[in-house]
Amino acid sequence: MMDSMPAKSIGAVVLMAGQSNRMGNENKLLLKLGEQTIVSHCISNLKQAGIEKILAVTGYQSGALDLEIADYGVESIHNDRYHEGMGTSIALAFGHPTVSYWTGALVVLGDMPLIEVSTLERLHSESLAHPNQIIVPMVNQRRGQPVIFPSSFFDRLQQCKGDVGGKWILQTHPNRVHKVDVSDQGVLLDVDSPESLETVRRLYTQRQSNG
């Protein structure tokens, strides 16, 4: 009897190829936030939310990043064109065979460590309830990350290039966007400068203190 094809499900593409230009000589993803690195928090949160299928796209200092996420059992691919911008990482990921088995995909920025597990679970649940819609978290009418794209948009995501991510798809298909109101400030906070790093560390400390 032939083995059946893998069951389709929602996975996550984690973008972690950038050069951290605004952080000086340090790779922001490898900076510490408590006991873990920023990228470890990102992967760990996805795992805790039940997102088991994860494809990481590395580029700058890929060897160090691969070592950092090795224990999570995450599949990793290298983007040789990472210096051209985030769009090249998205296009590479959505042309990868692994992603073709998914019914939907979270596009996750590796420098957003404070997205709460409960928020990821909520977005996952909303995607299952609205499988043909693009799921977008909103905080006080501000669009956050990550966004979940159904598989019907995977071919368009392969067209991303340069610094252009998937925002153009939201703009050209507003009727396919399902907004989800959340109170999680983590969906708005990425680490792209020393100032934003301090903001993230301050909020992380507050959350730890509040239990």
N, C-alpha and C. Protein backbone atom coordinates (compact mmCIF):
# COMPACT_ATOMS: atom_id res chain seq x y z
N MET A 1 0.85 -1.20 0.00
CA MET A 1 0.00 0.00 0.00
C MET A 1 0.88 1.25 0.00
N MET A 2 0.58 2.17 -0.87
CA MET A 2 1.39 3.37 -0.96
C MET A 2 1.10 4.29 0.21
N ASP A 3 2.17 4.98 0.67
CA ASP A 3 1.99 5.97 1.74
C ASP A 3 1.14 7.11 1.22
N SER A 4 0.26 7.62 2.06
CA SER A 4 -0.57 8.76 1.67
C SER A 4 0.26 10.03 1.69
N MET A 5 -0.18 11.02 0.96
CA MET A 5 0.51 12.31 0.95
C MET A 5 0.37 12.97 2.31
N PRO A 6 1.34 13.81 2.72
CA PRO A 6 1.24 14.49 4.01
C PRO A 6 -0.02 15.35 4.08
N ALA A 7 -0.64 15.34 5.24
CA ALA A 7 -1.84 16.16 5.42
C ALA A 7 -1.49 17.64 5.30
N LYS A 8 -2.35 18.37 4.65
CA LYS A 8 -2.11 19.81 4.51
C LYS A 8 -2.45 20.51 5.81
N SER A 9 -1.75 21.61 6.06
CA SER A 9 -1.98 22.36 7.30
C SER A 9 -1.35 23.75 7.16
N ILE A 10 -1.49 24.53 8.22
CA ILE A 10 -0.92 25.88 8.23
C ILE A 10 0.50 25.82 8.81
N GLY A 11 1.43 26.39 8.07
CA GLY A 11 2.81 26.45 8.52
C GLY A 11 3.27 27.88 8.68
N ALA A 12 4.55 28.07 8.95
CA ALA A 12 5.10 29.41 9.13
C ALA A 12 6.39 29.56 8.35
N VAL A 13 6.51 30.68 7.65
CA VAL A 13 7.76 31.08 7.01
C VAL A 13 8.37 32.16 7.89
N VAL A 14 9.55 31.88 8.43
CA VAL A 14 10.22 32.85 9.31
C VAL A 14 11.35 33.52 8.54
N LEU A 15 11.25 34.82 8.39
CA LEU A 15 12.23 35.60 7.63
C LEU A 15 13.35 36.06 8.57
N MET A 16 14.56 35.54 8.33
CA MET A 16 15.68 35.85 9.22
C MET A 16 16.97 36.00 8.43
N ALA A 17 16.87 36.65 7.26
CA ALA A 17 18.03 36.75 6.37
C ALA A 17 18.69 38.12 6.37
N GLY A 18 18.06 39.11 7.01
CA GLY A 18 18.53 40.49 6.90
C GLY A 18 19.89 40.75 7.53
N GLN A 19 20.48 41.88 7.16
CA GLN A 19 21.84 42.22 7.58
C GLN A 19 21.91 43.06 8.85
N SER A 20 20.78 43.43 9.43
CA SER A 20 20.77 44.20 10.68
C SER A 20 21.59 45.48 10.56
N ASN A 21 21.45 46.17 9.45
CA ASN A 21 22.29 47.34 9.18
C ASN A 21 22.21 48.42 10.25
N ARG A 22 21.02 48.58 10.84
CA ARG A 22 20.83 49.66 11.82
C ARG A 22 21.29 49.28 13.22
N MET A 23 21.76 48.05 13.37
CA MET A 23 22.21 47.59 14.68
C MET A 23 23.73 47.56 14.80
N GLY A 24 24.45 48.21 13.89
CA GLY A 24 25.90 48.21 13.96
C GLY A 24 26.47 46.90 13.47
N ASN A 25 27.41 46.33 14.21
CA ASN A 25 28.08 45.11 13.79
C ASN A 25 27.41 43.85 14.32
N GLU A 26 26.34 44.00 15.07
CA GLU A 26 25.69 42.84 15.69
C GLU A 26 24.52 42.34 14.86
N ASN A 27 24.33 41.03 14.87
CA ASN A 27 23.14 40.45 14.26
C ASN A 27 22.02 40.52 15.30
N LYS A 28 21.01 41.31 15.04
CA LYS A 28 19.96 41.54 16.03
C LYS A 28 19.26 40.26 16.45
N LEU A 29 19.17 39.29 15.54
CA LEU A 29 18.45 38.06 15.86
C LEU A 29 19.17 37.23 16.91
N LEU A 30 20.47 37.45 17.07
CA LEU A 30 21.26 36.69 18.03
C LEU A 30 21.48 37.43 19.34
N LEU A 31 20.88 38.61 19.47
CA LEU A 31 20.96 39.35 20.73
C LEU A 31 20.06 38.69 21.77
N LYS A 32 20.43 38.84 23.02
CA LYS A 32 19.70 38.21 24.11
C LYS A 32 18.48 39.03 24.53
N LEU A 33 17.42 38.29 24.82
CA LEU A 33 16.22 38.85 25.43
C LEU A 33 15.90 37.90 26.58
N GLY A 34 16.31 38.27 27.78
CA GLY A 34 16.24 37.32 28.88
C GLY A 34 17.28 36.24 28.66
N GLU A 35 16.89 34.99 28.79
CA GLU A 35 17.81 33.87 28.65
C GLU A 35 17.93 33.38 27.21
N GLN A 36 17.04 33.83 26.35
CA GLN A 36 17.03 33.36 24.97
C GLN A 36 17.42 34.48 24.01
N THR A 37 17.80 34.09 22.80
CA THR A 37 18.02 35.09 21.76
C THR A 37 16.67 35.52 21.18
N ILE A 38 16.70 36.60 20.46
CA ILE A 38 15.47 37.12 19.85
C ILE A 38 14.86 36.10 18.89
N VAL A 39 15.68 35.48 18.06
CA VAL A 39 15.14 34.52 17.10
C VAL A 39 14.64 33.26 17.79
N SER A 40 15.27 32.87 18.90
CA SER A 40 14.80 31.70 19.65
C SER A 40 13.41 31.95 20.24
N HIS A 41 13.19 33.16 20.73
CA HIS A 41 11.85 33.51 21.23
C HIS A 41 10.82 33.35 20.11
N CYS A 42 11.17 33.84 18.93
CA CYS A 42 10.26 33.78 17.79
C CYS A 42 9.87 32.34 17.45
N ILE A 43 10.87 31.47 17.32
CA ILE A 43 10.61 30.08 16.97
C ILE A 43 9.88 29.37 18.10
N SER A 44 10.30 29.61 19.32
CA SER A 44 9.68 28.98 20.48
C SER A 44 8.20 29.34 20.60
N ASN A 45 7.87 30.59 20.36
CA ASN A 45 6.48 31.03 20.43
C ASN A 45 5.62 30.31 19.39
N LEU A 46 6.15 30.14 18.19
CA LEU A 46 5.43 29.43 17.14
C LEU A 46 5.18 27.98 17.54
N LYS A 47 6.21 27.34 18.08
CA LYS A 47 6.08 25.94 18.51
C LYS A 47 5.04 25.80 19.61
N GLN A 48 5.09 26.72 20.59
CA GLN A 48 4.13 26.67 21.69
C GLN A 48 2.70 26.88 21.21
N ALA A 49 2.55 27.62 20.12
CA ALA A 49 1.22 27.89 19.57
C ALA A 49 0.72 26.73 18.69
N GLY A 50 1.50 25.68 18.58
CA GLY A 50 1.08 24.52 17.80
C GLY A 50 1.43 24.59 16.33
N ILE A 51 2.27 25.55 15.94
CA ILE A 51 2.71 25.65 14.55
C ILE A 51 3.97 24.79 14.41
N GLU A 52 3.81 23.59 13.93
CA GLU A 52 4.92 22.64 13.87
C GLU A 52 5.71 22.74 12.58
N LYS A 53 5.05 23.11 11.50
CA LYS A 53 5.71 23.18 10.19
C LYS A 53 6.29 24.58 10.01
N ILE A 54 7.60 24.69 10.12
CA ILE A 54 8.28 25.99 10.08
C ILE A 54 9.43 25.93 9.08
N LEU A 55 9.45 26.90 8.18
CA LEU A 55 10.54 27.04 7.21
C LEU A 55 11.24 28.37 7.47
N ALA A 56 12.50 28.31 7.87
CA ALA A 56 13.27 29.53 8.14
C ALA A 56 14.10 29.88 6.91
N VAL A 57 14.13 31.17 6.59
CA VAL A 57 14.95 31.65 5.47
C VAL A 57 16.09 32.47 6.04
N THR A 58 17.31 31.97 5.89
CA THR A 58 18.48 32.67 6.40
C THR A 58 19.25 33.30 5.25
N GLY A 59 20.20 34.16 5.62
CA GLY A 59 21.04 34.83 4.63
C GLY A 59 22.30 35.30 5.31
N TYR A 60 22.25 36.50 5.87
CA TYR A 60 23.38 37.06 6.61
C TYR A 60 23.68 36.21 7.84
N GLN A 61 24.95 35.81 8.00
CA GLN A 61 25.40 34.97 9.12
C GLN A 61 24.51 33.72 9.28
N SER A 62 24.24 33.08 8.17
CA SER A 62 23.34 31.93 8.18
C SER A 62 23.84 30.79 9.05
N GLY A 63 25.15 30.58 9.07
CA GLY A 63 25.70 29.50 9.88
C GLY A 63 25.38 29.65 11.35
N ALA A 64 25.57 30.85 11.88
CA ALA A 64 25.28 31.11 13.29
C ALA A 64 23.79 30.97 13.58
N LEU A 65 22.96 31.40 12.65
CA LEU A 65 21.51 31.29 12.85
C LEU A 65 21.06 29.83 12.80
N ASP A 66 21.62 29.06 11.88
CA ASP A 66 21.28 27.64 11.79
C ASP A 66 21.63 26.92 13.09
N LEU A 67 22.76 27.25 13.67
CA LEU A 67 23.15 26.66 14.95
C LEU A 67 22.17 27.04 16.05
N GLU A 68 21.73 28.29 16.03
CA GLU A 68 20.84 28.80 17.08
C GLU A 68 19.48 28.10 17.06
N ILE A 69 18.98 27.76 15.88
CA ILE A 69 17.64 27.16 15.79
C ILE A 69 17.68 25.65 15.60
N ALA A 70 18.87 25.06 15.64
CA ALA A 70 19.01 23.63 15.34
C ALA A 70 18.17 22.75 16.25
N ASP A 71 18.07 23.10 17.51
CA ASP A 71 17.37 22.26 18.48
C ASP A 71 15.85 22.28 18.29
N TYR A 72 15.34 23.19 17.48
CA TYR A 72 13.89 23.30 17.30
C TYR A 72 13.36 22.42 16.16
N GLY A 73 14.26 21.76 15.44
CA GLY A 73 13.81 20.92 14.35
C GLY A 73 13.19 21.69 13.21
N VAL A 74 13.70 22.89 12.96
CA VAL A 74 13.15 23.77 11.92
C VAL A 74 13.90 23.55 10.62
N GLU A 75 13.18 23.47 9.52
CA GLU A 75 13.82 23.39 8.21
C GLU A 75 14.34 24.77 7.83
N SER A 76 15.54 24.82 7.29
CA SER A 76 16.16 26.09 6.96
C SER A 76 16.66 26.09 5.53
N ILE A 77 16.45 27.21 4.83
CA ILE A 77 17.00 27.38 3.48
C ILE A 77 17.76 28.71 3.43
N HIS A 78 18.78 28.75 2.61
CA HIS A 78 19.63 29.94 2.52
C HIS A 78 19.26 30.77 1.29
N ASN A 79 19.11 32.06 1.49
CA ASN A 79 18.82 32.99 0.41
C ASN A 79 20.11 33.68 -0.02
N ASP A 80 20.65 33.29 -1.16
CA ASP A 80 21.90 33.89 -1.66
C ASP A 80 21.72 35.36 -2.02
N ARG A 81 20.48 35.77 -2.21
CA ARG A 81 20.20 37.15 -2.64
C ARG A 81 19.66 38.01 -1.49
N TYR A 82 19.97 37.62 -0.26
CA TYR A 82 19.39 38.32 0.90
C TYR A 82 19.70 39.81 0.91
N HIS A 83 20.85 40.19 0.34
CA HIS A 83 21.24 41.60 0.34
C HIS A 83 20.32 42.46 -0.52
N GLU A 84 19.50 41.82 -1.38
CA GLU A 84 18.58 42.57 -2.24
C GLU A 84 17.29 42.95 -1.52
N GLY A 85 17.01 42.33 -0.37
CA GLY A 85 15.82 42.70 0.38
C GLY A 85 14.93 41.53 0.75
N MET A 86 13.98 41.82 1.64
CA MET A 86 13.09 40.80 2.19
C MET A 86 12.26 40.08 1.13
N GLY A 87 11.90 40.79 0.08
CA GLY A 87 11.07 40.19 -0.95
C GLY A 87 11.69 38.95 -1.57
N THR A 88 13.03 38.93 -1.69
CA THR A 88 13.69 37.77 -2.27
C THR A 88 13.57 36.54 -1.36
N SER A 89 13.54 36.78 -0.05
CA SER A 89 13.37 35.66 0.89
C SER A 89 11.96 35.10 0.82
N ILE A 90 10.98 35.98 0.68
CA ILE A 90 9.59 35.53 0.56
C ILE A 90 9.41 34.72 -0.72
N ALA A 91 9.93 35.24 -1.82
CA ALA A 91 9.79 34.53 -3.10
C ALA A 91 10.46 33.16 -3.04
N LEU A 92 11.64 33.08 -2.42
CA LEU A 92 12.34 31.81 -2.31
C LEU A 92 11.54 30.81 -1.48
N ALA A 93 11.01 31.28 -0.36
CA ALA A 93 10.26 30.38 0.53
C ALA A 93 9.02 29.82 -0.14
N PHE A 94 8.28 30.67 -0.83
CA PHE A 94 7.01 30.21 -1.40
C PHE A 94 7.19 29.47 -2.72
N GLY A 95 8.42 29.34 -3.17
CA GLY A 95 8.72 28.47 -4.28
C GLY A 95 9.30 27.14 -3.82
N HIS A 96 9.41 26.97 -2.50
CA HIS A 96 10.02 25.77 -1.94
C HIS A 96 8.99 24.64 -1.86
N PRO A 97 9.39 23.40 -2.16
CA PRO A 97 8.44 22.29 -2.15
C PRO A 97 7.71 22.08 -0.83
N THR A 98 8.38 22.33 0.29
CA THR A 98 7.75 22.14 1.60
C THR A 98 6.47 22.93 1.73
N VAL A 99 6.51 24.18 1.27
CA VAL A 99 5.36 25.08 1.45
C VAL A 99 4.18 24.66 0.59
N SER A 100 4.43 23.94 -0.49
CA SER A 100 3.35 23.55 -1.40
C SER A 100 2.35 22.62 -0.74
N TYR A 101 2.70 22.01 0.39
CA TYR A 101 1.79 21.11 1.08
C TYR A 101 0.92 21.83 2.12
N TRP A 102 1.15 23.10 2.30
CA TRP A 102 0.40 23.86 3.31
C TRP A 102 -0.87 24.46 2.71
N THR A 103 -1.91 24.58 3.53
CA THR A 103 -3.11 25.29 3.10
C THR A 103 -3.03 26.77 3.40
N GLY A 104 -2.10 27.15 4.27
CA GLY A 104 -1.90 28.55 4.61
C GLY A 104 -0.55 28.72 5.25
N ALA A 105 -0.06 29.96 5.28
CA ALA A 105 1.26 30.22 5.84
C ALA A 105 1.30 31.55 6.57
N LEU A 106 1.80 31.52 7.80
CA LEU A 106 2.13 32.74 8.50
C LEU A 106 3.44 33.25 7.94
N VAL A 107 3.50 34.51 7.62
CA VAL A 107 4.78 35.13 7.25
C VAL A 107 5.25 35.89 8.48
N VAL A 108 6.31 35.38 9.10
CA VAL A 108 6.75 35.85 10.40
C VAL A 108 8.12 36.51 10.29
N LEU A 109 8.26 37.68 10.88
CA LEU A 109 9.56 38.35 10.93
C LEU A 109 10.33 37.82 12.13
N GLY A 110 11.56 37.39 11.90
CA GLY A 110 12.35 36.79 12.96
C GLY A 110 12.76 37.74 14.06
N ASP A 111 12.55 39.05 13.85
CA ASP A 111 12.93 40.04 14.86
C ASP A 111 11.72 40.56 15.65
N MET A 112 10.66 39.74 15.73
CA MET A 112 9.47 40.12 16.50
C MET A 112 9.25 39.08 17.61
N PRO A 113 10.01 39.17 18.70
CA PRO A 113 10.00 38.12 19.72
C PRO A 113 8.87 38.22 20.73
N LEU A 114 8.10 39.30 20.72
CA LEU A 114 7.11 39.52 21.77
C LEU A 114 5.68 39.17 21.36
N ILE A 115 5.49 38.59 20.19
CA ILE A 115 4.14 38.17 19.81
C ILE A 115 3.70 37.06 20.74
N GLU A 116 2.60 37.25 21.42
CA GLU A 116 2.16 36.30 22.42
C GLU A 116 1.67 35.00 21.79
N VAL A 117 1.91 33.90 22.50
CA VAL A 117 1.47 32.60 22.03
C VAL A 117 -0.04 32.59 21.80
N SER A 118 -0.78 33.23 22.70
CA SER A 118 -2.24 33.28 22.56
C SER A 118 -2.66 34.02 21.30
N THR A 119 -1.89 35.02 20.89
CA THR A 119 -2.19 35.75 19.66
C THR A 119 -1.97 34.85 18.44
N LEU A 120 -0.88 34.12 18.44
CA LEU A 120 -0.61 33.19 17.34
C LEU A 120 -1.70 32.11 17.27
N GLU A 121 -2.13 31.64 18.41
CA GLU A 121 -3.21 30.65 18.44
C GLU A 121 -4.50 31.24 17.90
N ARG A 122 -4.76 32.49 18.22
CA ARG A 122 -5.98 33.16 17.74
C ARG A 122 -5.94 33.33 16.22
N LEU A 123 -4.80 33.76 15.69
CA LEU A 123 -4.68 33.94 14.25
C LEU A 123 -4.82 32.60 13.53
N HIS A 124 -4.22 31.58 14.10
CA HIS A 124 -4.33 30.23 13.52
C HIS A 124 -5.79 29.78 13.49
N SER A 125 -6.50 30.01 14.57
CA SER A 125 -7.91 29.63 14.65
C SER A 125 -8.75 30.40 13.64
N GLU A 126 -8.47 31.69 13.49
CA GLU A 126 -9.22 32.52 12.54
C GLU A 126 -8.96 32.05 11.11
N SER A 127 -7.74 31.62 10.83
CA SER A 127 -7.42 31.14 9.50
C SER A 127 -8.16 29.84 9.18
N LEU A 128 -8.29 28.97 10.18
CA LEU A 128 -9.05 27.74 9.98
C LEU A 128 -10.53 28.03 9.75
N ALA A 129 -11.02 29.08 10.43
CA ALA A 129 -12.43 29.45 10.28
C ALA A 129 -12.70 30.20 8.98
N HIS A 130 -11.68 30.88 8.45
CA HIS A 130 -11.81 31.67 7.21
C HIS A 130 -10.67 31.28 6.27
N PRO A 131 -10.70 30.06 5.75
CA PRO A 131 -9.56 29.50 5.01
C PRO A 131 -9.21 30.20 3.71
N ASN A 132 -10.10 30.98 3.16
CA ASN A 132 -9.81 31.67 1.91
C ASN A 132 -9.44 33.13 2.09
N GLN A 133 -9.34 33.55 3.35
CA GLN A 133 -9.05 34.95 3.65
C GLN A 133 -7.61 35.13 4.12
N ILE A 134 -7.09 36.34 3.92
CA ILE A 134 -5.80 36.73 4.47
C ILE A 134 -6.05 37.25 5.89
N ILE A 135 -5.42 36.64 6.87
CA ILE A 135 -5.66 36.97 8.27
C ILE A 135 -4.64 38.00 8.73
N VAL A 136 -5.14 39.15 9.21
CA VAL A 136 -4.28 40.26 9.58
C VAL A 136 -4.60 40.73 11.00
N PRO A 137 -3.61 40.72 11.91
CA PRO A 137 -3.85 41.24 13.26
C PRO A 137 -3.88 42.76 13.27
N MET A 138 -4.77 43.32 14.07
CA MET A 138 -4.92 44.78 14.16
C MET A 138 -4.90 45.19 15.63
N VAL A 139 -4.15 46.25 15.93
CA VAL A 139 -4.13 46.84 17.27
C VAL A 139 -4.51 48.31 17.13
N ASN A 140 -5.67 48.67 17.64
CA ASN A 140 -6.13 50.06 17.54
C ASN A 140 -6.04 50.58 16.11
N GLN A 141 -6.53 49.78 15.18
CA GLN A 141 -6.59 50.09 13.75
C GLN A 141 -5.22 50.16 13.07
N ARG A 142 -4.19 49.67 13.75
CA ARG A 142 -2.86 49.56 13.15
C ARG A 142 -2.61 48.12 12.75
N ARG A 143 -2.14 47.91 11.52
CA ARG A 143 -1.87 46.56 11.03
C ARG A 143 -0.58 46.03 11.63
N GLY A 144 -0.65 44.79 12.10
CA GLY A 144 0.52 44.17 12.70
C GLY A 144 0.99 42.95 11.92
N GLN A 145 1.87 42.19 12.55
CA GLN A 145 2.42 40.96 11.99
C GLN A 145 2.28 39.86 13.04
N PRO A 146 2.23 38.59 12.65
CA PRO A 146 2.35 38.08 11.28
C PRO A 146 1.02 38.05 10.55
N VAL A 147 1.10 37.95 9.25
CA VAL A 147 -0.07 37.81 8.39
C VAL A 147 -0.12 36.36 7.91
N ILE A 148 -1.33 35.80 7.85
CA ILE A 148 -1.49 34.44 7.32
C ILE A 148 -2.10 34.53 5.92
N PHE A 149 -1.40 33.95 4.95
CA PHE A 149 -1.88 33.91 3.57
C PHE A 149 -2.39 32.51 3.26
N PRO A 150 -3.60 32.39 2.66
CA PRO A 150 -4.04 31.08 2.19
C PRO A 150 -3.23 30.66 0.97
N SER A 151 -3.24 29.38 0.66
CA SER A 151 -2.40 28.85 -0.41
C SER A 151 -2.73 29.45 -1.78
N SER A 152 -3.93 29.99 -1.94
CA SER A 152 -4.30 30.60 -3.23
C SER A 152 -3.45 31.82 -3.56
N PHE A 153 -2.71 32.34 -2.56
CA PHE A 153 -1.85 33.51 -2.79
C PHE A 153 -0.37 33.13 -2.87
N PHE A 154 -0.04 31.86 -2.76
CA PHE A 154 1.37 31.47 -2.74
C PHE A 154 2.07 31.84 -4.04
N ASP A 155 1.35 31.74 -5.17
CA ASP A 155 2.00 32.07 -6.45
C ASP A 155 2.33 33.56 -6.51
N ARG A 156 1.47 34.39 -5.94
CA ARG A 156 1.73 35.83 -5.92
C ARG A 156 2.91 36.16 -5.00
N LEU A 157 3.02 35.44 -3.90
CA LEU A 157 4.13 35.68 -2.97
C LEU A 157 5.47 35.33 -3.62
N GLN A 158 5.45 34.42 -4.57
CA GLN A 158 6.68 34.10 -5.30
C GLN A 158 7.13 35.25 -6.19
N GLN A 159 6.25 36.23 -6.40
CA GLN A 159 6.58 37.36 -7.26
C GLN A 159 7.23 38.51 -6.49
N CYS A 160 7.32 38.38 -5.16
CA CYS A 160 7.92 39.45 -4.35
C CYS A 160 9.40 39.61 -4.72
N LYS A 161 9.89 40.82 -4.64
CA LYS A 161 11.29 41.08 -4.94
C LYS A 161 11.75 42.34 -4.21
N GLY A 162 13.05 42.50 -4.13
CA GLY A 162 13.61 43.67 -3.46
C GLY A 162 13.15 43.77 -2.03
N ASP A 163 12.85 44.98 -1.61
CA ASP A 163 12.39 45.21 -0.24
C ASP A 163 10.88 45.11 -0.11
N VAL A 164 10.20 44.69 -1.17
CA VAL A 164 8.74 44.63 -1.16
C VAL A 164 8.28 43.28 -0.63
N GLY A 165 7.52 43.31 0.48
CA GLY A 165 6.98 42.10 1.04
C GLY A 165 5.60 41.80 0.48
N GLY A 166 4.70 41.30 1.33
CA GLY A 166 3.38 40.93 0.87
C GLY A 166 2.33 42.02 1.00
N LYS A 167 2.75 43.22 1.40
CA LYS A 167 1.78 44.30 1.61
C LYS A 167 0.98 44.62 0.35
N TRP A 168 1.62 44.51 -0.81
CA TRP A 168 0.94 44.84 -2.07
C TRP A 168 -0.25 43.90 -2.32
N ILE A 169 -0.16 42.68 -1.80
CA ILE A 169 -1.26 41.73 -1.98
C ILE A 169 -2.47 42.18 -1.16
N LEU A 170 -2.23 42.68 0.04
CA LEU A 170 -3.33 43.20 0.87
C LEU A 170 -3.99 44.39 0.18
N GLN A 171 -3.17 45.23 -0.43
CA GLN A 171 -3.69 46.43 -1.07
C GLN A 171 -4.49 46.13 -2.32
N THR A 172 -4.11 45.09 -3.03
CA THR A 172 -4.79 44.76 -4.29
C THR A 172 -5.95 43.78 -4.12
N HIS A 173 -6.08 43.21 -2.91
CA HIS A 173 -7.17 42.26 -2.65
C HIS A 173 -7.84 42.58 -1.31
N PRO A 174 -8.33 43.81 -1.15
CA PRO A 174 -8.92 44.20 0.14
C PRO A 174 -10.12 43.35 0.54
N ASN A 175 -10.84 42.81 -0.42
CA ASN A 175 -12.01 41.99 -0.11
C ASN A 175 -11.64 40.61 0.43
N ARG A 176 -10.37 40.27 0.34
CA ARG A 176 -9.90 38.98 0.85
C ARG A 176 -9.21 39.11 2.21
N VAL A 177 -9.23 40.31 2.77
CA VAL A 177 -8.54 40.56 4.04
C VAL A 177 -9.51 40.43 5.21
N HIS A 178 -9.17 39.58 6.16
CA HIS A 178 -9.97 39.41 7.38
C HIS A 178 -9.16 39.97 8.56
N LYS A 179 -9.61 41.09 9.10
CA LYS A 179 -8.89 41.75 10.19
C LYS A 179 -9.30 41.16 11.54
N VAL A 180 -8.30 40.95 12.39
CA VAL A 180 -8.53 40.37 13.71
C VAL A 180 -8.01 41.35 14.76
N ASP A 181 -8.91 41.89 15.56
CA ASP A 181 -8.51 42.84 16.60
C ASP A 181 -7.87 42.09 17.77
N VAL A 182 -6.67 42.53 18.13
CA VAL A 182 -5.95 41.95 19.27
C VAL A 182 -5.43 43.10 20.14
N SER A 183 -5.07 42.77 21.36
CA SER A 183 -4.52 43.78 22.28
C SER A 183 -3.02 43.60 22.49
N ASP A 184 -2.42 42.72 21.72
CA ASP A 184 -1.02 42.35 21.86
C ASP A 184 -0.11 43.35 21.15
N GLN A 185 0.61 44.17 21.92
CA GLN A 185 1.51 45.14 21.32
C GLN A 185 2.68 44.47 20.60
N GLY A 186 2.91 43.20 20.91
CA GLY A 186 4.01 42.49 20.27
C GLY A 186 3.88 42.37 18.77
N VAL A 187 2.66 42.47 18.24
CA VAL A 187 2.48 42.35 16.78
C VAL A 187 2.93 43.61 16.05
N LEU A 188 3.25 44.65 16.82
CA LEU A 188 3.70 45.91 16.22
C LEU A 188 5.19 46.18 16.42
N LEU A 189 5.83 45.35 17.26
CA LEU A 189 7.19 45.66 17.69
C LEU A 189 8.23 44.74 17.06
N ASP A 190 9.01 45.28 16.13
CA ASP A 190 10.16 44.55 15.60
C ASP A 190 11.43 45.24 16.06
N VAL A 191 12.51 44.50 16.08
CA VAL A 191 13.80 45.04 16.52
C VAL A 191 14.59 45.45 15.29
N ASP A 192 14.57 46.74 14.97
CA ASP A 192 15.32 47.19 13.79
C ASP A 192 16.26 48.35 14.10
N SER A 193 16.39 48.69 15.40
CA SER A 193 17.28 49.77 15.81
C SER A 193 17.59 49.60 17.29
N PRO A 194 18.66 50.24 17.79
CA PRO A 194 18.95 50.17 19.23
C PRO A 194 17.78 50.68 20.07
N GLU A 195 17.07 51.67 19.57
CA GLU A 195 15.95 52.22 20.32
C GLU A 195 14.80 51.22 20.43
N SER A 196 14.50 50.55 19.32
CA SER A 196 13.42 49.56 19.37
C SER A 196 13.82 48.36 20.21
N LEU A 197 15.10 48.03 20.24
CA LEU A 197 15.57 46.94 21.10
C LEU A 197 15.30 47.26 22.56
N GLU A 198 15.57 48.49 22.96
CA GLU A 198 15.32 48.89 24.34
C GLU A 198 13.83 48.83 24.67
N THR A 199 12.99 49.22 23.72
CA THR A 199 11.54 49.16 23.93
C THR A 199 11.09 47.72 24.12
N VAL A 200 11.60 46.82 23.28
CA VAL A 200 11.25 45.40 23.37
C VAL A 200 11.73 44.82 24.69
N ARG A 201 12.94 45.16 25.10
CA ARG A 201 13.47 44.63 26.36
C ARG A 201 12.67 45.15 27.55
N ARG A 202 12.24 46.39 27.48
CA ARG A 202 11.45 46.97 28.58
C ARG A 202 10.11 46.26 28.70
N LEU A 203 9.43 46.04 27.56
CA LEU A 203 8.14 45.37 27.60
C LEU A 203 8.30 43.91 28.03
N TYR A 204 9.36 43.28 27.60
CA TYR A 204 9.61 41.89 28.00
C TYR A 204 9.78 41.80 29.51
N THR A 205 10.54 42.71 30.09
CA THR A 205 10.75 42.73 31.54
C THR A 205 9.44 42.95 32.27
N GLN A 206 8.60 43.84 31.74
CA GLN A 206 7.30 44.10 32.35
C GLN A 206 6.43 42.84 32.33
N ARG A 207 6.43 42.15 31.21
CA ARG A 207 5.63 40.92 31.11
C ARG A 207 6.13 39.87 32.07
N GLN A 208 7.45 39.74 32.21
CA GLN A 208 8.00 38.76 33.14
C GLN A 208 7.62 39.09 34.58
N SER A 209 7.62 40.38 34.89
CA SER A 209 7.26 40.81 36.24
C SER A 209 5.80 40.55 36.55
N ASN A 210 4.95 40.66 35.51
CA ASN A 210 3.51 40.46 35.69
C ASN A 210 3.12 38.98 35.63
N GLY A 211 4.11 38.13 35.39
CA GLY A 211 3.84 36.70 35.33
C GLY A 211 3.19 36.27 34.08
